[in-house]
Amino acid sequence: MSEELQQHCGTCTTQVLKDSVIPNISIGDLCTHCGKNTMTDDDLYVNRIPSWADGKVILNGDVILNVTIDGYMCPECQAVECDECGESTLDYEIQDTDPPRLLCADCLNKEGE
């Protein structure tokens, strides 16, 4: 990365992959998927996980820079849909069936009864 670009990109670090340089940009406590601040709410803070996402920075409207965005993922963006009830959940298990099924804790408890 040139010194000039590094001066304009305060929190950037670089990662070299096969002759190309991909800047890593830290967005701190923001969710890498929806942009919510994960520090403002206890539920978001407690259930956030470190996250990376691919992105693009457009400079001057015509220069496109591929970047890796470092931050966190909020619980809403982590949640998956249960195959049984369709509810969004963070607490799930993937069953080794054909095809595999993803079940929330409530549906797993119902199956075990």
PDB file of N, CA and C in Angstrom:
ATOM      1  N   MET A   1       0.863  -1.166   0.000  1.00  0.00           N
ATOM      2  CA  MET A   1       0.000   0.000   0.000  1.00  0.00           C
ATOM      3  C   MET A   1       0.906   1.224   0.000  1.00  0.00           C
ATOM      4  N   SER A   2       0.592   2.189  -0.836  1.00  0.00           N
ATOM      5  CA  SER A   2       1.421   3.388  -0.913  1.00  0.00           C
ATOM      6  C   SER A   2       1.278   4.204   0.364  1.00  0.00           C
ATOM      7  N   GLU A   3       2.317   4.993   0.688  1.00  0.00           N
ATOM      8  CA  GLU A   3       2.257   5.843   1.881  1.00  0.00           C
ATOM      9  C   GLU A   3       1.095   6.819   1.783  1.00  0.00           C
ATOM     10  N   GLU A   4       0.848   7.335   0.570  1.00  0.00           N
ATOM     11  CA  GLU A   4      -0.244   8.299   0.372  1.00  0.00           C
ATOM     12  C   GLU A   4      -1.587   7.667   0.717  1.00  0.00           C
ATOM     13  N   LEU A   5      -1.845   6.440   0.238  1.00  0.00           N
ATOM     14  CA  LEU A   5      -3.110   5.761   0.526  1.00  0.00           C
ATOM     15  C   LEU A   5      -3.203   5.437   2.011  1.00  0.00           C
ATOM     16  N   GLN A   6      -2.091   5.040   2.622  1.00  0.00           N
ATOM     17  CA  GLN A   6      -2.099   4.708   4.037  1.00  0.00           C
ATOM     18  C   GLN A   6      -2.430   5.933   4.895  1.00  0.00           C
ATOM     19  N   GLN A   7      -1.989   7.105   4.494  1.00  0.00           N
ATOM     20  CA  GLN A   7      -2.292   8.323   5.239  1.00  0.00           C
ATOM     21  C   GLN A   7      -3.788   8.621   5.214  1.00  0.00           C
ATOM     22  N   HIS A   8      -4.456   8.313   4.113  1.00  0.00           N
ATOM     23  CA  HIS A   8      -5.886   8.597   3.972  1.00  0.00           C
ATOM     24  C   HIS A   8      -6.751   7.497   4.569  1.00  0.00           C
ATOM     25  N   CYS A   9      -6.147   6.427   4.970  1.00  0.00           N
ATOM     26  CA  CYS A   9      -6.894   5.258   5.423  1.00  0.00           C
ATOM     27  C   CYS A   9      -6.453   4.914   6.832  1.00  0.00           C
ATOM     28  N   GLY A  10      -6.770   5.774   7.794  1.00  0.00           N
ATOM     29  CA  GLY A  10      -6.288   5.697   9.163  1.00  0.00           C
ATOM     30  C   GLY A  10      -6.272   4.335   9.815  1.00  0.00           C
ATOM     31  N   THR A  11      -7.382   3.578   9.751  1.00  0.00           N
ATOM     32  CA  THR A  11      -7.436   2.302  10.460  1.00  0.00           C
ATOM     33  C   THR A  11      -7.200   1.112   9.543  1.00  0.00           C
ATOM     34  N   CYS A  12      -6.714   1.345   8.327  1.00  0.00           N
ATOM     35  CA  CYS A  12      -6.495   0.252   7.389  1.00  0.00           C
ATOM     36  C   CYS A  12      -5.232  -0.524   7.729  1.00  0.00           C
ATOM     37  N   THR A  13      -5.302  -1.820   7.508  1.00  0.00           N
ATOM     38  CA  THR A  13      -4.116  -2.667   7.487  1.00  0.00           C
ATOM     39  C   THR A  13      -4.162  -3.345   6.131  1.00  0.00           C
ATOM     40  N   THR A  14      -3.133  -4.029   5.758  1.00  0.00           N
ATOM     41  CA  THR A  14      -3.178  -4.675   4.451  1.00  0.00           C
ATOM     42  C   THR A  14      -2.899  -6.157   4.569  1.00  0.00           C
ATOM     43  N   GLN A  15      -3.422  -6.879   3.623  1.00  0.00           N
ATOM     44  CA  GLN A  15      -3.241  -8.307   3.552  1.00  0.00           C
ATOM     45  C   GLN A  15      -2.808  -8.598   2.114  1.00  0.00           C
ATOM     46  N   VAL A  16      -1.674  -9.242   1.934  1.00  0.00           N
ATOM     47  CA  VAL A  16      -1.177  -9.514   0.591  1.00  0.00           C
ATOM     48  C   VAL A  16      -1.579 -10.924   0.195  1.00  0.00           C
ATOM     49  N   LEU A  17      -2.293 -11.047  -0.916  1.00  0.00           N
ATOM     50  CA  LEU A  17      -2.712 -12.341  -1.446  1.00  0.00           C
ATOM     51  C   LEU A  17      -2.292 -12.432  -2.902  1.00  0.00           C
ATOM     52  N   LYS A  18      -1.308 -13.268  -3.208  1.00  0.00           N
ATOM     53  CA  LYS A  18      -0.888 -13.499  -4.597  1.00  0.00           C
ATOM     54  C   LYS A  18      -0.775 -12.212  -5.399  1.00  0.00           C
ATOM     55  N   ASP A  19       0.122 -11.371  -5.095  1.00  0.00           N
ATOM     56  CA  ASP A  19       0.405 -10.137  -5.834  1.00  0.00           C
ATOM     57  C   ASP A  19      -0.660  -9.048  -5.725  1.00  0.00           C
ATOM     58  N   SER A  20      -1.736  -9.260  -4.979  1.00  0.00           N
ATOM     59  CA  SER A  20      -2.724  -8.193  -4.845  1.00  0.00           C
ATOM     60  C   SER A  20      -2.817  -7.782  -3.378  1.00  0.00           C
ATOM     61  N   VAL A  21      -3.154  -6.537  -3.152  1.00  0.00           N
ATOM     62  CA  VAL A  21      -3.264  -6.018  -1.794  1.00  0.00           C
ATOM     63  C   VAL A  21      -4.731  -5.733  -1.508  1.00  0.00           C
ATOM     64  N   ILE A  22      -5.259  -6.350  -0.443  1.00  0.00           N
ATOM     65  CA  ILE A  22      -6.648  -6.134  -0.052  1.00  0.00           C
ATOM     66  C   ILE A  22      -6.643  -5.448   1.310  1.00  0.00           C
ATOM     67  N   PRO A  23      -7.067  -4.185   1.363  1.00  0.00           N
ATOM     68  CA  PRO A  23      -7.090  -3.482   2.653  1.00  0.00           C
ATOM     69  C   PRO A  23      -8.152  -4.052   3.592  1.00  0.00           C
ATOM     70  N   ASN A  24      -7.826  -4.119   4.875  1.00  0.00           N
ATOM     71  CA  ASN A  24      -8.794  -4.466   5.918  1.00  0.00           C
ATOM     72  C   ASN A  24      -9.206  -3.171   6.583  1.00  0.00           C
ATOM     73  N   ILE A  25     -10.500  -2.922   6.630  1.00  0.00           N
ATOM     74  CA  ILE A  25     -11.010  -1.707   7.250  1.00  0.00           C
ATOM     75  C   ILE A  25     -11.819  -2.095   8.479  1.00  0.00           C
ATOM     76  N   SER A  26     -11.429  -1.581   9.641  1.00  0.00           N
ATOM     77  CA  SER A  26     -12.148  -1.853  10.879  1.00  0.00           C
ATOM     78  C   SER A  26     -13.297  -0.855  11.023  1.00  0.00           C
ATOM     79  N   ILE A  27     -14.503  -1.389  11.268  1.00  0.00           N
ATOM     80  CA  ILE A  27     -15.652  -0.518  11.515  1.00  0.00           C
ATOM     81  C   ILE A  27     -16.044  -0.579  12.988  1.00  0.00           C
ATOM     82  N   GLY A  28     -15.107  -1.033  13.812  1.00  0.00           N
ATOM     83  CA  GLY A  28     -15.306  -1.026  15.260  1.00  0.00           C
ATOM     84  C   GLY A  28     -16.456  -1.898  15.711  1.00  0.00           C
ATOM     85  N   ASP A  29     -17.404  -1.318  16.416  1.00  0.00           N
ATOM     86  CA  ASP A  29     -18.518  -2.050  17.011  1.00  0.00           C
ATOM     87  C   ASP A  29     -19.729  -2.178  16.101  1.00  0.00           C
ATOM     88  N   LEU A  30     -19.614  -1.750  14.854  1.00  0.00           N
ATOM     89  CA  LEU A  30     -20.750  -1.843  13.934  1.00  0.00           C
ATOM     90  C   LEU A  30     -20.883  -3.256  13.379  1.00  0.00           C
ATOM     91  N   CYS A  31     -22.124  -3.654  13.089  1.00  0.00           N
ATOM     92  CA  CYS A  31     -22.384  -4.948  12.462  1.00  0.00           C
ATOM     93  C   CYS A  31     -21.903  -4.899  11.018  1.00  0.00           C
ATOM     94  N   THR A  32     -21.150  -5.907  10.606  1.00  0.00           N
ATOM     95  CA  THR A  32     -20.618  -5.946   9.241  1.00  0.00           C
ATOM     96  C   THR A  32     -21.692  -6.247   8.198  1.00  0.00           C
ATOM     97  N   HIS A  33     -22.894  -6.616   8.638  1.00  0.00           N
ATOM     98  CA  HIS A  33     -23.957  -6.947   7.690  1.00  0.00           C
ATOM     99  C   HIS A  33     -25.057  -5.902   7.610  1.00  0.00           C
ATOM    100  N   CYS A  34     -25.453  -5.316   8.760  1.00  0.00           N
ATOM    101  CA  CYS A  34     -26.547  -4.334   8.728  1.00  0.00           C
ATOM    102  C   CYS A  34     -26.130  -2.939   9.188  1.00  0.00           C
ATOM    103  N   GLY A  35     -24.954  -2.814   9.814  1.00  0.00           N
ATOM    104  CA  GLY A  35     -24.452  -1.507  10.231  1.00  0.00           C
ATOM    105  C   GLY A  35     -24.909  -1.038  11.600  1.00  0.00           C
ATOM    106  N   LYS A  36     -25.711  -1.855  12.325  1.00  0.00           N
ATOM    107  CA  LYS A  36     -26.145  -1.458  13.672  1.00  0.00           C
ATOM    108  C   LYS A  36     -24.942  -1.360  14.608  1.00  0.00           C
ATOM    109  N   ASN A  37     -25.015  -0.435  15.559  1.00  0.00           N
ATOM    110  CA  ASN A  37     -23.984  -0.316  16.566  1.00  0.00           C
ATOM    111  C   ASN A  37     -24.241  -1.371  17.634  1.00  0.00           C
ATOM    112  N   THR A  38     -23.328  -2.338  17.782  1.00  0.00           N
ATOM    113  CA  THR A  38     -23.535  -3.437  18.726  1.00  0.00           C
ATOM    114  C   THR A  38     -23.185  -3.054  20.165  1.00  0.00           C
ATOM    115  N   MET A  39     -22.746  -1.817  20.409  1.00  0.00           N
ATOM    116  CA  MET A  39     -22.416  -1.360  21.757  1.00  0.00           C
ATOM    117  C   MET A  39     -23.586  -0.648  22.437  1.00  0.00           C
ATOM    118  N   THR A  40     -24.613  -0.248  21.701  1.00  0.00           N
ATOM    119  CA  THR A  40     -25.668   0.601  22.257  1.00  0.00           C
ATOM    120  C   THR A  40     -26.732  -0.167  23.034  1.00  0.00           C
ATOM    121  N   ASP A  41     -26.784  -1.457  22.881  1.00  0.00           N
ATOM    122  CA  ASP A  41     -27.837  -2.265  23.495  1.00  0.00           C
ATOM    123  C   ASP A  41     -27.183  -3.490  24.132  1.00  0.00           C
ATOM    124  N   ASP A  42     -27.549  -3.794  25.388  1.00  0.00           N
ATOM    125  CA  ASP A  42     -26.948  -4.942  26.079  1.00  0.00           C
ATOM    126  C   ASP A  42     -27.148  -6.245  25.314  1.00  0.00           C
ATOM    127  N   ASP A  43     -28.350  -6.468  24.736  1.00  0.00           N
ATOM    128  CA  ASP A  43     -28.602  -7.701  23.995  1.00  0.00           C
ATOM    129  C   ASP A  43     -27.709  -7.808  22.767  1.00  0.00           C
ATOM    130  N   LEU A  44     -27.502  -6.694  22.087  1.00  0.00           N
ATOM    131  CA  LEU A  44     -26.633  -6.714  20.908  1.00  0.00           C
ATOM    132  C   LEU A  44     -25.187  -6.972  21.322  1.00  0.00           C
ATOM    133  N   TYR A  45     -24.749  -6.343  22.411  1.00  0.00           N
ATOM    134  CA  TYR A  45     -23.363  -6.477  22.853  1.00  0.00           C
ATOM    135  C   TYR A  45     -23.055  -7.898  23.321  1.00  0.00           C
ATOM    136  N   VAL A  46     -23.936  -8.463  24.136  1.00  0.00           N
ATOM    137  CA  VAL A  46     -23.701  -9.791  24.702  1.00  0.00           C
ATOM    138  C   VAL A  46     -23.719 -10.868  23.625  1.00  0.00           C
ATOM    139  N   ASN A  47     -24.560 -10.734  22.626  1.00  0.00           N
ATOM    140  CA  ASN A  47     -24.718 -11.776  21.611  1.00  0.00           C
ATOM    141  C   ASN A  47     -23.982 -11.498  20.305  1.00  0.00           C
ATOM    142  N   ARG A  48     -23.144 -10.485  20.258  1.00  0.00           N
ATOM    143  CA  ARG A  48     -22.413 -10.200  19.026  1.00  0.00           C
ATOM    144  C   ARG A  48     -21.233 -11.162  18.896  1.00  0.00           C
ATOM    145  N   ILE A  49     -20.795 -11.392  17.665  1.00  0.00           N
ATOM    146  CA  ILE A  49     -19.613 -12.211  17.415  1.00  0.00           C
ATOM    147  C   ILE A  49     -18.699 -11.459  16.444  1.00  0.00           C
ATOM    148  N   PRO A  50     -17.374 -11.696  16.533  1.00  0.00           N
ATOM    149  CA  PRO A  50     -16.473 -11.073  15.552  1.00  0.00           C
ATOM    150  C   PRO A  50     -16.874 -11.503  14.140  1.00  0.00           C
ATOM    151  N   SER A  51     -16.750 -10.590  13.198  1.00  0.00           N
ATOM    152  CA  SER A  51     -17.202 -10.880  11.839  1.00  0.00           C
ATOM    153  C   SER A  51     -16.346 -10.160  10.810  1.00  0.00           C
ATOM    154  N   TRP A  52     -16.245 -10.761   9.639  1.00  0.00           N
ATOM    155  CA  TRP A  52     -15.551 -10.172   8.503  1.00  0.00           C
ATOM    156  C   TRP A  52     -16.482 -10.260   7.308  1.00  0.00           C
ATOM    157  N   ALA A  53     -16.419  -9.276   6.455  1.00  0.00           N
ATOM    158  CA  ALA A  53     -17.248  -9.278   5.253  1.00  0.00           C
ATOM    159  C   ALA A  53     -16.479  -8.641   4.109  1.00  0.00           C
ATOM    160  N   ASP A  54     -16.749  -9.095   2.898  1.00  0.00           N
ATOM    161  CA  ASP A  54     -16.152  -8.484   1.718  1.00  0.00           C
ATOM    162  C   ASP A  54     -16.959  -7.249   1.348  1.00  0.00           C
ATOM    163  N   GLY A  55     -16.272  -6.230   0.881  1.00  0.00           N
ATOM    164  CA  GLY A  55     -16.951  -5.009   0.483  1.00  0.00           C
ATOM    165  C   GLY A  55     -16.188  -4.289  -0.604  1.00  0.00           C
ATOM    166  N   LYS A  56     -16.723  -3.181  -1.034  1.00  0.00           N
ATOM    167  CA  LYS A  56     -16.083  -2.344  -2.053  1.00  0.00           C
ATOM    168  C   LYS A  56     -16.106  -0.904  -1.594  1.00  0.00           C
ATOM    169  N   VAL A  57     -15.018  -0.209  -1.820  1.00  0.00           N
ATOM    170  CA  VAL A  57     -14.939   1.223  -1.582  1.00  0.00           C
ATOM    171  C   VAL A  57     -14.808   1.870  -2.947  1.00  0.00           C
ATOM    172  N   ILE A  58     -15.655   2.844  -3.227  1.00  0.00           N
ATOM    173  CA  ILE A  58     -15.604   3.533  -4.515  1.00  0.00           C
ATOM    174  C   ILE A  58     -14.989   4.908  -4.279  1.00  0.00           C
ATOM    175  N   LEU A  59     -13.876   5.161  -4.944  1.00  0.00           N
ATOM    176  CA  LEU A  59     -13.163   6.426  -4.805  1.00  0.00           C
ATOM    177  C   LEU A  59     -13.393   7.273  -6.049  1.00  0.00           C
ATOM    178  N   ASN A  60     -13.798   8.498  -5.842  1.00  0.00           N
ATOM    179  CA  ASN A  60     -13.994   9.434  -6.956  1.00  0.00           C
ATOM    180  C   ASN A  60     -14.986   8.927  -7.995  1.00  0.00           C
ATOM    181  N   GLY A  61     -15.841   7.998  -7.607  1.00  0.00           N
ATOM    182  CA  GLY A  61     -16.859   7.498  -8.513  1.00  0.00           C
ATOM    183  C   GLY A  61     -16.378   6.531  -9.573  1.00  0.00           C
ATOM    184  N   ASP A  62     -15.064   6.331  -9.716  1.00  0.00           N
ATOM    185  CA  ASP A  62     -14.615   5.439 -10.779  1.00  0.00           C
ATOM    186  C   ASP A  62     -13.527   4.462 -10.360  1.00  0.00           C
ATOM    187  N   VAL A  63     -12.957   4.611  -9.185  1.00  0.00           N
ATOM    188  CA  VAL A  63     -11.953   3.675  -8.709  1.00  0.00           C
ATOM    189  C   VAL A  63     -12.620   2.767  -7.681  1.00  0.00           C
ATOM    190  N   ILE A  64     -12.639   1.469  -7.961  1.00  0.00           N
ATOM    191  CA  ILE A  64     -13.270   0.511  -7.059  1.00  0.00           C
ATOM    192  C   ILE A  64     -12.172  -0.279  -6.362  1.00  0.00           C
ATOM    193  N   LEU A  65     -12.235  -0.285  -5.044  1.00  0.00           N
ATOM    194  CA  LEU A  65     -11.251  -0.979  -4.229  1.00  0.00           C
ATOM    195  C   LEU A  65     -11.958  -2.101  -3.478  1.00  0.00           C
ATOM    196  N   ASN A  66     -11.525  -3.346  -3.660  1.00  0.00           N
ATOM    197  CA  ASN A  66     -12.072  -4.457  -2.881  1.00  0.00           C
ATOM    198  C   ASN A  66     -11.461  -4.390  -1.493  1.00  0.00           C
ATOM    199  N   VAL A  67     -12.286  -4.558  -0.464  1.00  0.00           N
ATOM    200  CA  VAL A  67     -11.820  -4.469   0.920  1.00  0.00           C
ATOM    201  C   VAL A  67     -12.410  -5.603   1.743  1.00  0.00           C
ATOM    202  N   THR A  68     -11.778  -5.870   2.876  1.00  0.00           N
ATOM    203  CA  THR A  68     -12.340  -6.753   3.884  1.00  0.00           C
ATOM    204  C   THR A  68     -12.729  -5.874   5.058  1.00  0.00           C
ATOM    205  N   ILE A  69     -13.975  -5.982   5.501  1.00  0.00           N
ATOM    206  CA  ILE A  69     -14.487  -5.155   6.586  1.00  0.00           C
ATOM    207  C   ILE A  69     -14.467  -5.984   7.869  1.00  0.00           C
ATOM    208  N   ASP A  70     -13.778  -5.463   8.891  1.00  0.00           N
ATOM    209  CA  ASP A  70     -13.700  -6.130  10.192  1.00  0.00           C
ATOM    210  C   ASP A  70     -14.632  -5.428  11.166  1.00  0.00           C
ATOM    211  N   GLY A  71     -15.406  -6.197  11.895  1.00  0.00           N
ATOM    212  CA  GLY A  71     -16.305  -5.642  12.904  1.00  0.00           C
ATOM    213  C   GLY A  71     -16.940  -6.760  13.689  1.00  0.00           C
ATOM    214  N   TYR A  72     -18.228  -6.643  13.931  1.00  0.00           N
ATOM    215  CA  TYR A  72     -18.995  -7.658  14.650  1.00  0.00           C
ATOM    216  C   TYR A  72     -20.261  -7.966  13.869  1.00  0.00           C
ATOM    217  N   MET A  73     -20.895  -9.094  14.195  1.00  0.00           N
ATOM    218  CA  MET A  73     -22.196  -9.410  13.620  1.00  0.00           C
ATOM    219  C   MET A  73     -23.217  -9.412  14.759  1.00  0.00           C
ATOM    220  N   CYS A  74     -24.301  -8.651  14.576  1.00  0.00           N
ATOM    221  CA  CYS A  74     -25.337  -8.567  15.605  1.00  0.00           C
ATOM    222  C   CYS A  74     -26.153  -9.863  15.617  1.00  0.00           C
ATOM    223  N   PRO A  75     -26.890 -10.120  16.702  1.00  0.00           N
ATOM    224  CA  PRO A  75     -27.666 -11.357  16.796  1.00  0.00           C
ATOM    225  C   PRO A  75     -28.714 -11.507  15.698  1.00  0.00           C
ATOM    226  N   GLU A  76     -29.328 -10.415  15.269  1.00  0.00           N
ATOM    227  CA  GLU A  76     -30.348 -10.514  14.218  1.00  0.00           C
ATOM    228  C   GLU A  76     -29.749 -11.025  12.912  1.00  0.00           C
ATOM    229  N   CYS A  77     -28.534 -10.594  12.594  1.00  0.00           N
ATOM    230  CA  CYS A  77     -27.888 -11.037  11.353  1.00  0.00           C
ATOM    231  C   CYS A  77     -27.321 -12.455  11.471  1.00  0.00           C
ATOM    232  N   GLN A  78     -27.057 -12.915  12.707  1.00  0.00           N
ATOM    233  CA  GLN A  78     -26.571 -14.278  12.931  1.00  0.00           C
ATOM    234  C   GLN A  78     -27.692 -15.306  12.882  1.00  0.00           C
ATOM    235  N   ALA A  79     -28.907 -14.872  13.201  1.00  0.00           N
ATOM    236  CA  ALA A  79     -30.026 -15.797  13.369  1.00  0.00           C
ATOM    237  C   ALA A  79     -30.316 -16.567  12.086  1.00  0.00           C
ATOM    238  N   VAL A  80     -30.751 -17.805  12.277  1.00  0.00           N
ATOM    239  CA  VAL A  80     -31.137 -18.672  11.157  1.00  0.00           C
ATOM    240  C   VAL A  80     -32.585 -19.113  11.359  1.00  0.00           C
ATOM    241  N   GLU A  81     -33.205 -19.569  10.299  1.00  0.00           N
ATOM    242  CA  GLU A  81     -34.607 -19.988  10.365  1.00  0.00           C
ATOM    243  C   GLU A  81     -34.706 -21.480  10.642  1.00  0.00           C
ATOM    244  N   CYS A  82     -35.541 -21.833  11.626  1.00  0.00           N
ATOM    245  CA  CYS A  82     -35.792 -23.234  11.959  1.00  0.00           C
ATOM    246  C   CYS A  82     -36.555 -23.894  10.813  1.00  0.00           C
ATOM    247  N   ASP A  83     -36.119 -25.089  10.404  1.00  0.00           N
ATOM    248  CA  ASP A  83     -36.786 -25.803   9.311  1.00  0.00           C
ATOM    249  C   ASP A  83     -38.163 -26.332   9.714  1.00  0.00           C
ATOM    250  N   GLU A  84     -38.406 -26.491  11.009  1.00  0.00           N
ATOM    251  CA  GLU A  84     -39.685 -27.033  11.488  1.00  0.00           C
ATOM    252  C   GLU A  84     -40.741 -25.939  11.661  1.00  0.00           C
ATOM    253  N   CYS A  85     -40.426 -24.906  12.472  1.00  0.00           N
ATOM    254  CA  CYS A  85     -41.437 -23.892  12.811  1.00  0.00           C
ATOM    255  C   CYS A  85     -41.260 -22.575  12.048  1.00  0.00           C
ATOM    256  N   GLY A  86     -40.107 -22.375  11.412  1.00  0.00           N
ATOM    257  CA  GLY A  86     -39.875 -21.162  10.637  1.00  0.00           C
ATOM    258  C   GLY A  86     -39.450 -19.955  11.449  1.00  0.00           C
ATOM    259  N   GLU A  87     -39.311 -20.131  12.781  1.00  0.00           N
ATOM    260  CA  GLU A  87     -38.889 -19.022  13.646  1.00  0.00           C
ATOM    261  C   GLU A  87     -37.400 -18.754  13.487  1.00  0.00           C
ATOM    262  N   SER A  88     -37.030 -17.507  13.679  1.00  0.00           N
ATOM    263  CA  SER A  88     -35.636 -17.090  13.650  1.00  0.00           C
ATOM    264  C   SER A  88     -35.008 -17.409  15.004  1.00  0.00           C
ATOM    265  N   THR A  89     -33.800 -18.018  15.009  1.00  0.00           N
ATOM    266  CA  THR A  89     -33.195 -18.443  16.258  1.00  0.00           C
ATOM    267  C   THR A  89     -31.668 -18.380  16.225  1.00  0.00           C
ATOM    268  N   LEU A  90     -31.093 -18.205  17.414  1.00  0.00           N
ATOM    269  CA  LEU A  90     -29.636 -18.312  17.591  1.00  0.00           C
ATOM    270  C   LEU A  90     -29.274 -19.651  18.208  1.00  0.00           C
ATOM    271  N   ASP A  91     -30.249 -20.311  18.826  1.00  0.00           N
ATOM    272  CA  ASP A  91     -30.038 -21.570  19.540  1.00  0.00           C
ATOM    273  C   ASP A  91     -30.613 -22.708  18.695  1.00  0.00           C
ATOM    274  N   TYR A  92     -29.740 -23.416  17.987  1.00  0.00           N
ATOM    275  CA  TYR A  92     -30.216 -24.441  17.066  1.00  0.00           C
ATOM    276  C   TYR A  92     -29.241 -25.613  17.008  1.00  0.00           C
ATOM    277  N   GLU A  93     -29.717 -26.671  16.375  1.00  0.00           N
ATOM    278  CA  GLU A  93     -28.893 -27.850  16.130  1.00  0.00           C
ATOM    279  C   GLU A  93     -29.166 -28.318  14.707  1.00  0.00           C
ATOM    280  N   ILE A  94     -28.126 -28.753  14.028  1.00  0.00           N
ATOM    281  CA  ILE A  94     -28.297 -29.297  12.677  1.00  0.00           C
ATOM    282  C   ILE A  94     -28.370 -30.809  12.798  1.00  0.00           C
ATOM    283  N   GLN A  95     -29.491 -31.382  12.384  1.00  0.00           N
ATOM    284  CA  GLN A  95     -29.691 -32.826  12.466  1.00  0.00           C
ATOM    285  C   GLN A  95     -29.081 -33.501  11.247  1.00  0.00           C
ATOM    286  N   ASP A  96     -28.450 -34.631  11.493  1.00  0.00           N
ATOM    287  CA  ASP A  96     -27.788 -35.393  10.429  1.00  0.00           C
ATOM    288  C   ASP A  96     -28.806 -36.315   9.764  1.00  0.00           C
ATOM    289  N   THR A  97     -29.701 -35.698   8.988  1.00  0.00           N
ATOM    290  CA  THR A  97     -30.722 -36.445   8.253  1.00  0.00           C
ATOM    291  C   THR A  97     -30.499 -36.187   6.766  1.00  0.00           C
ATOM    292  N   ASP A  98     -31.281 -36.832   5.930  1.00  0.00           N
ATOM    293  CA  ASP A  98     -31.164 -36.601   4.488  1.00  0.00           C
ATOM    294  C   ASP A  98     -32.480 -36.022   3.984  1.00  0.00           C
ATOM    295  N   PRO A  99     -32.594 -34.752   3.685  1.00  0.00           N
ATOM    296  CA  PRO A  99     -31.545 -33.732   3.782  1.00  0.00           C
ATOM    297  C   PRO A  99     -31.372 -33.277   5.238  1.00  0.00           C
ATOM    298  N   PRO A 100     -30.204 -32.674   5.566  1.00  0.00           N
ATOM    299  CA  PRO A 100     -29.992 -32.178   6.932  1.00  0.00           C
ATOM    300  C   PRO A 100     -31.051 -31.141   7.296  1.00  0.00           C
ATOM    301  N   ARG A 101     -31.446 -31.145   8.568  1.00  0.00           N
ATOM    302  CA  ARG A 101     -32.453 -30.197   9.050  1.00  0.00           C
ATOM    303  C   ARG A 101     -31.872 -29.363  10.168  1.00  0.00           C
ATOM    304  N   LEU A 102     -32.219 -28.081  10.191  1.00  0.00           N
ATOM    305  CA  LEU A 102     -31.798 -27.161  11.228  1.00  0.00           C
ATOM    306  C   LEU A 102     -33.005 -26.910  12.128  1.00  0.00           C
ATOM    307  N   LEU A 103     -32.889 -27.289  13.410  1.00  0.00           N
ATOM    308  CA  LEU A 103     -34.015 -27.160  14.326  1.00  0.00           C
ATOM    309  C   LEU A 103     -33.664 -26.260  15.502  1.00  0.00           C
ATOM    310  N   CYS A 104     -34.613 -25.397  15.887  1.00  0.00           N
ATOM    311  CA  CYS A 104     -34.437 -24.536  17.061  1.00  0.00           C
ATOM    312  C   CYS A 104     -34.582 -25.379  18.325  1.00  0.00           C
ATOM    313  N   ALA A 105     -34.189 -24.818  19.460  1.00  0.00           N
ATOM    314  CA  ALA A 105     -34.235 -25.538  20.731  1.00  0.00           C
ATOM    315  C   ALA A 105     -35.661 -25.972  21.072  1.00  0.00           C
ATOM    316  N   ASP A 106     -36.659 -25.129  20.797  1.00  0.00           N
ATOM    317  CA  ASP A 106     -38.053 -25.485  21.100  1.00  0.00           C
ATOM    318  C   ASP A 106     -38.497 -26.712  20.320  1.00  0.00           C
ATOM    319  N   CYS A 107     -38.177 -26.751  19.034  1.00  0.00           N
ATOM    320  CA  CYS A 107     -38.570 -27.905  18.203  1.00  0.00           C
ATOM    321  C   CYS A 107     -37.786 -29.157  18.587  1.00  0.00           C
ATOM    322  N   LEU A 108     -36.540 -29.014  18.989  1.00  0.00           N
ATOM    323  CA  LEU A 108     -35.749 -30.149  19.451  1.00  0.00           C
ATOM    324  C   LEU A 108     -36.371 -30.735  20.718  1.00  0.00           C
ATOM    325  N   ASN A 109     -36.809 -29.859  21.625  1.00  0.00           N
ATOM    326  CA  ASN A 109     -37.451 -30.320  22.864  1.00  0.00           C
ATOM    327  C   ASN A 109     -38.753 -31.040  22.580  1.00  0.00           C
ATOM    328  N   LYS A 110     -39.528 -30.549  21.604  1.00  0.00           N
ATOM    329  CA  LYS A 110     -40.806 -31.208  21.233  1.00  0.00           C
ATOM    330  C   LYS A 110     -40.541 -32.591  20.662  1.00  0.00           C
ATOM    331  N   GLU A 111     -39.467 -32.721  19.835  1.00  0.00           N
ATOM    332  CA  GLU A 111     -39.135 -34.017  19.238  1.00  0.00           C
ATOM    333  C   GLU A 111     -38.703 -35.021  20.289  1.00  0.00           C
ATOM    334  N   GLY A 112     -38.037 -34.528  21.340  1.00  0.00           N
ATOM    335  CA  GLY A 112     -37.528 -35.417  22.391  1.00  0.00           C
ATOM    336  C   GLY A 112     -38.596 -35.876  23.370  1.00  0.00           C
ATOM    337  N   GLU A 113     -39.771 -35.291  23.322  1.00  0.00           N
ATOM    338  CA  GLU A 113     -40.844 -35.658  24.267  1.00  0.00           C
ATOM    339  C   GLU A 113     -41.532 -36.933  23.867  1.00  0.00           C
TER     340      GLU A 113
END
